[in-house]
Amino acid sequence: MRLSRSLVLYIAAGLGAIAVGLGLGIQTTYGTANASDYSAYQDMLEGDMKKLRFHSEPRDVSTQEYDTIDGGTATLADHQGRYVLLNFWATWCAPCRKEMPMLSELQTEFGGPDFEVLTLATGRNAPPAMKAFFDEIGVDNLPLHRDPKQRVAREMAVIGLPITVILSPEGQEIARMQGDAHWSSDSAKAMLRALLAEGGS
């Protein structure tokens, strides 16, 4: 009986340690200092925009470098200080072709010191093909940045395209959508207006 009690105590202690460790891991992965209640923004979404899911707490993003249009490199941290609509796409992605003009419209209407649309072609996307893609759909205000080795995409668990995430001014992911949607819809714009107004823009 003593052996059984000891075994139970060891198991209980071990489970307690695991629980504490998981708790600490969550605090590390999801910074809570800037956590907000995004349920109001979620409730504003209609139609296919309901696929956009706001997280209960902000999530860390990739620290990997990507290739910029001018031949340099950058990271997502370089965009801190404003809300960022980050879109992962590729030249072979048919839904990307459909929604990219809508993202362009958002950049035209909301782009500025408090908001930007950041497009990142992930995987094998030749710059000439990317430019042709944008030219064919009439987009000239979004960047032709590349993530050729999918380092950013892998760290952010991007599976399938397109995927669009919203980053807070603190540089954390606060919402994510799998697949395309009507980003230029009244629902999407109302949500962005409210988000930017809350951010003090």
C-alpha atoms as a PDB file:
ATOM      1  CA  MET A   1       0.000   0.000   0.000  1.00  0.00           C
ATOM      2  CA  ARG A   2       2.849   2.379   0.806  1.00  0.00           C
ATOM      3  CA  LEU A   3       4.369   1.708  -2.592  1.00  0.00           C
ATOM      4  CA  SER A   4       1.070   2.454  -4.305  1.00  0.00           C
ATOM      5  CA  ARG A   5       0.683   5.729  -2.413  1.00  0.00           C
ATOM      6  CA  SER A   6       4.215   6.759  -3.304  1.00  0.00           C
ATOM      7  CA  LEU A   7       3.599   5.954  -6.929  1.00  0.00           C
ATOM      8  CA  VAL A   8       0.434   8.027  -6.918  1.00  0.00           C
ATOM      9  CA  LEU A   9       2.292  10.941  -5.326  1.00  0.00           C
ATOM     10  CA  TYR A  10       5.079  10.767  -7.909  1.00  0.00           C
ATOM     11  CA  ILE A  11       2.568  10.715 -10.744  1.00  0.00           C
ATOM     12  CA  ALA A  12       0.653  13.631  -9.259  1.00  0.00           C
ATOM     13  CA  ALA A  13       3.837  15.646  -8.802  1.00  0.00           C
ATOM     14  CA  GLY A  14       4.905  14.902 -12.350  1.00  0.00           C
ATOM     15  CA  LEU A  15       1.569  15.950 -13.793  1.00  0.00           C
ATOM     16  CA  GLY A  16       1.695  19.130 -11.751  1.00  0.00           C
ATOM     17  CA  ALA A  17       5.121  19.960 -13.124  1.00  0.00           C
ATOM     18  CA  ILE A  18       3.930  19.338 -16.667  1.00  0.00           C
ATOM     19  CA  ALA A  19       0.930  21.593 -16.124  1.00  0.00           C
ATOM     20  CA  VAL A  20       3.134  24.377 -14.795  1.00  0.00           C
ATOM     21  CA  GLY A  21       5.507  23.935 -17.717  1.00  0.00           C
ATOM     22  CA  LEU A  22       2.688  24.120 -20.219  1.00  0.00           C
ATOM     23  CA  GLY A  23       1.378  27.209 -18.527  1.00  0.00           C
ATOM     24  CA  LEU A  24       4.753  28.880 -18.775  1.00  0.00           C
ATOM     25  CA  GLY A  25       5.021  27.808 -22.409  1.00  0.00           C
ATOM     26  CA  ILE A  26       1.717  29.416 -23.218  1.00  0.00           C
ATOM     27  CA  GLN A  27       2.799  32.636 -21.561  1.00  0.00           C
ATOM     28  CA  THR A  28       5.964  32.591 -23.676  1.00  0.00           C
ATOM     29  CA  THR A  29       4.278  31.766 -26.964  1.00  0.00           C
ATOM     30  CA  TYR A  30       1.301  34.042 -26.553  1.00  0.00           C
ATOM     31  CA  GLY A  31       2.325  37.381 -25.109  1.00  0.00           C
ATOM     32  CA  THR A  32      -0.504  38.583 -22.885  1.00  0.00           C
ATOM     33  CA  ALA A  33       0.681  42.097 -22.136  1.00  0.00           C
ATOM     34  CA  ASN A  34      -1.187  43.487 -25.134  1.00  0.00           C
ATOM     35  CA  ALA A  35      -4.035  40.984 -25.210  1.00  0.00           C
ATOM     36  CA  SER A  36      -7.418  42.454 -26.193  1.00  0.00           C
ATOM     37  CA  ASP A  37     -10.965  41.236 -26.431  1.00  0.00           C
ATOM     38  CA  TYR A  38     -11.496  40.854 -30.178  1.00  0.00           C
ATOM     39  CA  SER A  39     -14.954  39.290 -29.940  1.00  0.00           C
ATOM     40  CA  ALA A  40     -16.603  42.550 -31.012  1.00  0.00           C
ATOM     41  CA  TYR A  41     -14.621  42.530 -34.266  1.00  0.00           C
ATOM     42  CA  GLN A  42     -15.512  38.884 -34.833  1.00  0.00           C
ATOM     43  CA  ASP A  43     -19.199  39.711 -34.463  1.00  0.00           C
ATOM     44  CA  MET A  44     -18.945  42.401 -37.151  1.00  0.00           C
ATOM     45  CA  LEU A  45     -18.002  39.900 -39.858  1.00  0.00           C
ATOM     46  CA  GLU A  46     -20.547  38.658 -42.377  1.00  0.00           C
ATOM     47  CA  GLY A  47     -20.592  36.232 -45.296  1.00  0.00           C
ATOM     48  CA  ASP A  48     -17.308  34.553 -46.132  1.00  0.00           C
ATOM     49  CA  MET A  49     -15.479  37.051 -43.931  1.00  0.00           C
ATOM     50  CA  LYS A  50     -16.647  34.927 -41.014  1.00  0.00           C
ATOM     51  CA  LYS A  51     -13.767  32.618 -41.912  1.00  0.00           C
ATOM     52  CA  LEU A  52     -11.477  35.218 -40.329  1.00  0.00           C
ATOM     53  CA  ARG A  53     -10.911  34.063 -36.762  1.00  0.00           C
ATOM     54  CA  PHE A  54      -9.581  36.404 -34.091  1.00  0.00           C
ATOM     55  CA  HIS A  55      -7.374  34.649 -31.554  1.00  0.00           C
ATOM     56  CA  SER A  56      -8.171  34.738 -27.852  1.00  0.00           C
ATOM     57  CA  GLU A  57      -4.632  36.042 -27.279  1.00  0.00           C
ATOM     58  CA  PRO A  58      -1.940  37.408 -29.640  1.00  0.00           C
ATOM     59  CA  ARG A  59       0.537  34.941 -31.126  1.00  0.00           C
ATOM     60  CA  ASP A  60       4.201  35.378 -31.932  1.00  0.00           C
ATOM     61  CA  VAL A  61       5.168  35.510 -35.617  1.00  0.00           C
ATOM     62  CA  SER A  62       8.144  34.348 -37.644  1.00  0.00           C
ATOM     63  CA  THR A  63      11.510  36.005 -37.146  1.00  0.00           C
ATOM     64  CA  GLN A  64      12.873  34.636 -40.447  1.00  0.00           C
ATOM     65  CA  GLU A  65      13.986  36.978 -43.222  1.00  0.00           C
ATOM     66  CA  TYR A  66      12.207  37.282 -46.552  1.00  0.00           C
ATOM     67  CA  ASP A  67      13.443  38.750 -49.854  1.00  0.00           C
ATOM     68  CA  THR A  68      12.289  42.265 -50.659  1.00  0.00           C
ATOM     69  CA  ILE A  69      11.419  43.590 -54.081  1.00  0.00           C
ATOM     70  CA  ASP A  70      14.586  45.714 -54.173  1.00  0.00           C
ATOM     71  CA  GLY A  71      16.884  42.719 -53.638  1.00  0.00           C
ATOM     72  CA  GLY A  72      17.346  43.144 -49.908  1.00  0.00           C
ATOM     73  CA  THR A  73      15.908  41.286 -46.946  1.00  0.00           C
ATOM     74  CA  ALA A  74      13.484  42.173 -44.169  1.00  0.00           C
ATOM     75  CA  THR A  75      11.524  40.576 -41.337  1.00  0.00           C
ATOM     76  CA  LEU A  76       7.991  41.020 -40.082  1.00  0.00           C
ATOM     77  CA  ALA A  77       9.412  42.947 -37.121  1.00  0.00           C
ATOM     78  CA  ASP A  78      10.290  45.726 -39.573  1.00  0.00           C
ATOM     79  CA  HIS A  79       6.564  46.433 -39.938  1.00  0.00           C
ATOM     80  CA  GLN A  80       5.799  46.988 -36.266  1.00  0.00           C
ATOM     81  CA  GLY A  81       4.018  50.179 -35.320  1.00  0.00           C
ATOM     82  CA  ARG A  82       0.977  49.642 -37.534  1.00  0.00           C
ATOM     83  CA  TYR A  83      -1.660  47.019 -38.260  1.00  0.00           C
ATOM     84  CA  VAL A  84      -0.534  44.731 -41.069  1.00  0.00           C
ATOM     85  CA  LEU A  85      -2.718  42.560 -43.288  1.00  0.00           C
ATOM     86  CA  LEU A  86      -0.195  39.873 -44.266  1.00  0.00           C
ATOM     87  CA  ASN A  87      -1.186  37.761 -47.261  1.00  0.00           C
ATOM     88  CA  PHE A  88       0.666  34.577 -48.251  1.00  0.00           C
ATOM     89  CA  TRP A  89       0.168  33.819 -51.964  1.00  0.00           C
ATOM     90  CA  ALA A  90       1.709  32.252 -55.068  1.00  0.00           C
ATOM     91  CA  THR A  91       1.531  32.800 -58.816  1.00  0.00           C
ATOM     92  CA  TRP A  92      -0.140  29.407 -59.369  1.00  0.00           C
ATOM     93  CA  CYS A  93      -2.879  30.097 -56.803  1.00  0.00           C
ATOM     94  CA  ALA A  94      -6.230  30.755 -58.533  1.00  0.00           C
ATOM     95  CA  PRO A  95      -8.015  32.061 -55.387  1.00  0.00           C
ATOM     96  CA  CYS A  96      -5.079  34.466 -54.895  1.00  0.00           C
ATOM     97  CA  ARG A  97      -5.751  35.951 -58.330  1.00  0.00           C
ATOM     98  CA  LYS A  98      -9.366  36.476 -57.335  1.00  0.00           C
ATOM     99  CA  GLU A  99      -8.772  38.209 -54.022  1.00  0.00           C
ATOM    100  CA  MET A 100      -5.566  40.190 -54.700  1.00  0.00           C
ATOM    101  CA  PRO A 101      -7.410  43.146 -56.316  1.00  0.00           C
ATOM    102  CA  MET A 102      -9.533  43.371 -53.157  1.00  0.00           C
ATOM    103  CA  LEU A 103      -6.414  43.553 -51.005  1.00  0.00           C
ATOM    104  CA  SER A 104      -5.147  46.253 -53.338  1.00  0.00           C
ATOM    105  CA  GLU A 105      -8.363  48.183 -52.722  1.00  0.00           C
ATOM    106  CA  LEU A 106      -7.797  47.949 -48.960  1.00  0.00           C
ATOM    107  CA  GLN A 107      -4.287  49.329 -49.392  1.00  0.00           C
ATOM    108  CA  THR A 108      -5.660  52.231 -51.428  1.00  0.00           C
ATOM    109  CA  GLU A 109      -8.358  53.036 -48.875  1.00  0.00           C
ATOM    110  CA  PHE A 110      -6.611  52.322 -45.574  1.00  0.00           C
ATOM    111  CA  GLY A 111      -2.881  52.294 -46.351  1.00  0.00           C
ATOM    112  CA  GLY A 112      -0.829  54.759 -44.354  1.00  0.00           C
ATOM    113  CA  PRO A 113       1.040  55.129 -41.058  1.00  0.00           C
ATOM    114  CA  ASP A 114      -1.476  52.927 -39.203  1.00  0.00           C
ATOM    115  CA  PHE A 115      -2.128  50.163 -41.736  1.00  0.00           C
ATOM    116  CA  GLU A 116      -0.566  48.336 -44.671  1.00  0.00           C
ATOM    117  CA  VAL A 117      -1.219  45.300 -46.824  1.00  0.00           C
ATOM    118  CA  LEU A 118       1.908  43.141 -47.011  1.00  0.00           C
ATOM    119  CA  THR A 119       1.935  40.460 -49.715  1.00  0.00           C
ATOM    120  CA  LEU A 120       4.469  37.643 -49.500  1.00  0.00           C
ATOM    121  CA  ALA A 121       4.822  35.095 -52.317  1.00  0.00           C
ATOM    122  CA  THR A 122       5.895  31.849 -50.710  1.00  0.00           C
ATOM    123  CA  GLY A 123       7.693  29.003 -52.460  1.00  0.00           C
ATOM    124  CA  ARG A 124       9.009  29.047 -56.025  1.00  0.00           C
ATOM    125  CA  ASN A 125       7.788  32.288 -57.554  1.00  0.00           C
ATOM    126  CA  ALA A 126      10.015  33.894 -60.170  1.00  0.00           C
ATOM    127  CA  PRO A 127      10.004  37.713 -59.941  1.00  0.00           C
ATOM    128  CA  PRO A 128       9.050  38.132 -63.648  1.00  0.00           C
ATOM    129  CA  ALA A 129       6.079  35.797 -63.160  1.00  0.00           C
ATOM    130  CA  MET A 130       5.050  37.699 -60.026  1.00  0.00           C
ATOM    131  CA  LYS A 131       5.154  41.001 -61.864  1.00  0.00           C
ATOM    132  CA  ALA A 132       3.156  39.536 -64.746  1.00  0.00           C
ATOM    133  CA  PHE A 133       0.603  38.233 -62.230  1.00  0.00           C
ATOM    134  CA  PHE A 134       0.108  41.712 -60.755  1.00  0.00           C
ATOM    135  CA  ASP A 135       0.058  43.363 -64.192  1.00  0.00           C
ATOM    136  CA  GLU A 136      -2.633  40.993 -65.458  1.00  0.00           C
ATOM    137  CA  ILE A 137      -4.964  41.769 -62.549  1.00  0.00           C
ATOM    138  CA  GLY A 138      -4.190  45.482 -62.467  1.00  0.00           C
ATOM    139  CA  VAL A 139      -2.468  45.621 -59.079  1.00  0.00           C
ATOM    140  CA  ASP A 140       0.302  48.192 -58.743  1.00  0.00           C
ATOM    141  CA  ASN A 141       0.285  49.208 -55.071  1.00  0.00           C
ATOM    142  CA  LEU A 142       1.279  45.970 -53.323  1.00  0.00           C
ATOM    143  CA  PRO A 143       4.854  44.715 -52.776  1.00  0.00           C
ATOM    144  CA  LEU A 144       6.387  41.830 -54.715  1.00  0.00           C
ATOM    145  CA  HIS A 145       8.215  40.361 -51.715  1.00  0.00           C
ATOM    146  CA  ARG A 146       9.204  36.673 -51.730  1.00  0.00           C
ATOM    147  CA  ASP A 147       9.619  33.848 -49.223  1.00  0.00           C
ATOM    148  CA  PRO A 148      11.383  31.455 -51.659  1.00  0.00           C
ATOM    149  CA  LYS A 149      12.421  28.838 -49.116  1.00  0.00           C
ATOM    150  CA  GLN A 150       9.136  29.138 -47.202  1.00  0.00           C
ATOM    151  CA  ARG A 151      10.954  29.944 -43.980  1.00  0.00           C
ATOM    152  CA  VAL A 152       8.415  32.532 -42.880  1.00  0.00           C
ATOM    153  CA  ALA A 153       5.506  30.378 -44.046  1.00  0.00           C
ATOM    154  CA  ARG A 154       6.768  27.287 -42.199  1.00  0.00           C
ATOM    155  CA  GLU A 155       7.270  29.133 -38.923  1.00  0.00           C
ATOM    156  CA  MET A 156       3.746  30.505 -39.192  1.00  0.00           C
ATOM    157  CA  ALA A 157       2.168  27.136 -40.052  1.00  0.00           C
ATOM    158  CA  VAL A 158       0.966  28.260 -43.475  1.00  0.00           C
ATOM    159  CA  ILE A 159      -0.677  25.225 -45.054  1.00  0.00           C
ATOM    160  CA  GLY A 160      -2.452  25.872 -48.322  1.00  0.00           C
ATOM    161  CA  LEU A 161      -2.896  29.234 -50.038  1.00  0.00           C
ATOM    162  CA  PRO A 162      -4.002  31.881 -49.699  1.00  0.00           C
ATOM    163  CA  ILE A 163      -3.671  32.530 -45.979  1.00  0.00           C
ATOM    164  CA  THR A 164      -4.124  36.010 -44.578  1.00  0.00           C
ATOM    165  CA  VAL A 165      -3.213  37.086 -41.067  1.00  0.00           C
ATOM    166  CA  ILE A 166      -3.647  40.369 -39.232  1.00  0.00           C
ATOM    167  CA  LEU A 167      -0.688  41.600 -37.210  1.00  0.00           C
ATOM    168  CA  SER A 168      -1.032  44.074 -34.359  1.00  0.00           C
ATOM    169  CA  PRO A 169       1.175  47.177 -34.069  1.00  0.00           C
ATOM    170  CA  GLU A 170       3.165  45.151 -31.539  1.00  0.00           C
ATOM    171  CA  GLY A 171       4.007  42.684 -34.300  1.00  0.00           C
ATOM    172  CA  GLN A 172       1.869  39.762 -33.098  1.00  0.00           C
ATOM    173  CA  GLU A 173      -0.720  37.744 -34.978  1.00  0.00           C
ATOM    174  CA  ILE A 174      -4.225  38.551 -33.777  1.00  0.00           C
ATOM    175  CA  ALA A 175      -6.358  36.938 -36.511  1.00  0.00           C
ATOM    176  CA  ARG A 176      -6.082  34.445 -39.361  1.00  0.00           C
ATOM    177  CA  MET A 177      -8.071  33.363 -42.407  1.00  0.00           C
ATOM    178  CA  GLN A 178      -7.596  30.208 -44.443  1.00  0.00           C
ATOM    179  CA  GLY A 179      -8.662  30.664 -48.060  1.00  0.00           C
ATOM    180  CA  ASP A 180      -9.871  33.675 -49.999  1.00  0.00           C
ATOM    181  CA  ALA A 181     -12.685  36.055 -49.097  1.00  0.00           C
ATOM    182  CA  HIS A 182     -14.284  39.340 -50.115  1.00  0.00           C
ATOM    183  CA  TRP A 183     -11.776  41.613 -48.403  1.00  0.00           C
ATOM    184  CA  SER A 184     -13.256  44.690 -50.064  1.00  0.00           C
ATOM    185  CA  SER A 185     -16.738  43.973 -48.685  1.00  0.00           C
ATOM    186  CA  ASP A 186     -18.561  46.385 -46.379  1.00  0.00           C
ATOM    187  CA  SER A 187     -18.132  43.835 -43.584  1.00  0.00           C
ATOM    188  CA  ALA A 188     -14.352  43.684 -43.966  1.00  0.00           C
ATOM    189  CA  LYS A 189     -13.979  47.452 -44.207  1.00  0.00           C
ATOM    190  CA  ALA A 190     -16.190  48.089 -41.188  1.00  0.00           C
ATOM    191  CA  MET A 191     -14.077  45.675 -39.150  1.00  0.00           C
ATOM    192  CA  LEU A 192     -10.852  47.376 -40.236  1.00  0.00           C
ATOM    193  CA  ARG A 193     -12.228  50.843 -39.485  1.00  0.00           C
ATOM    194  CA  ALA A 194     -13.203  49.746 -35.984  1.00  0.00           C
ATOM    195  CA  LEU A 195      -9.841  48.049 -35.411  1.00  0.00           C
ATOM    196  CA  LEU A 196      -7.906  51.120 -36.540  1.00  0.00           C
ATOM    197  CA  ALA A 197     -10.110  53.455 -34.515  1.00  0.00           C
ATOM    198  CA  GLU A 198      -9.519  51.344 -31.407  1.00  0.00           C
ATOM    199  CA  GLY A 199      -5.788  51.526 -32.108  1.00  0.00           C
ATOM    200  CA  GLY A 200      -5.922  55.298 -31.909  1.00  0.00           C
ATOM    201  CA  SER A 201      -5.622  56.086 -35.590  1.00  0.00           C
END
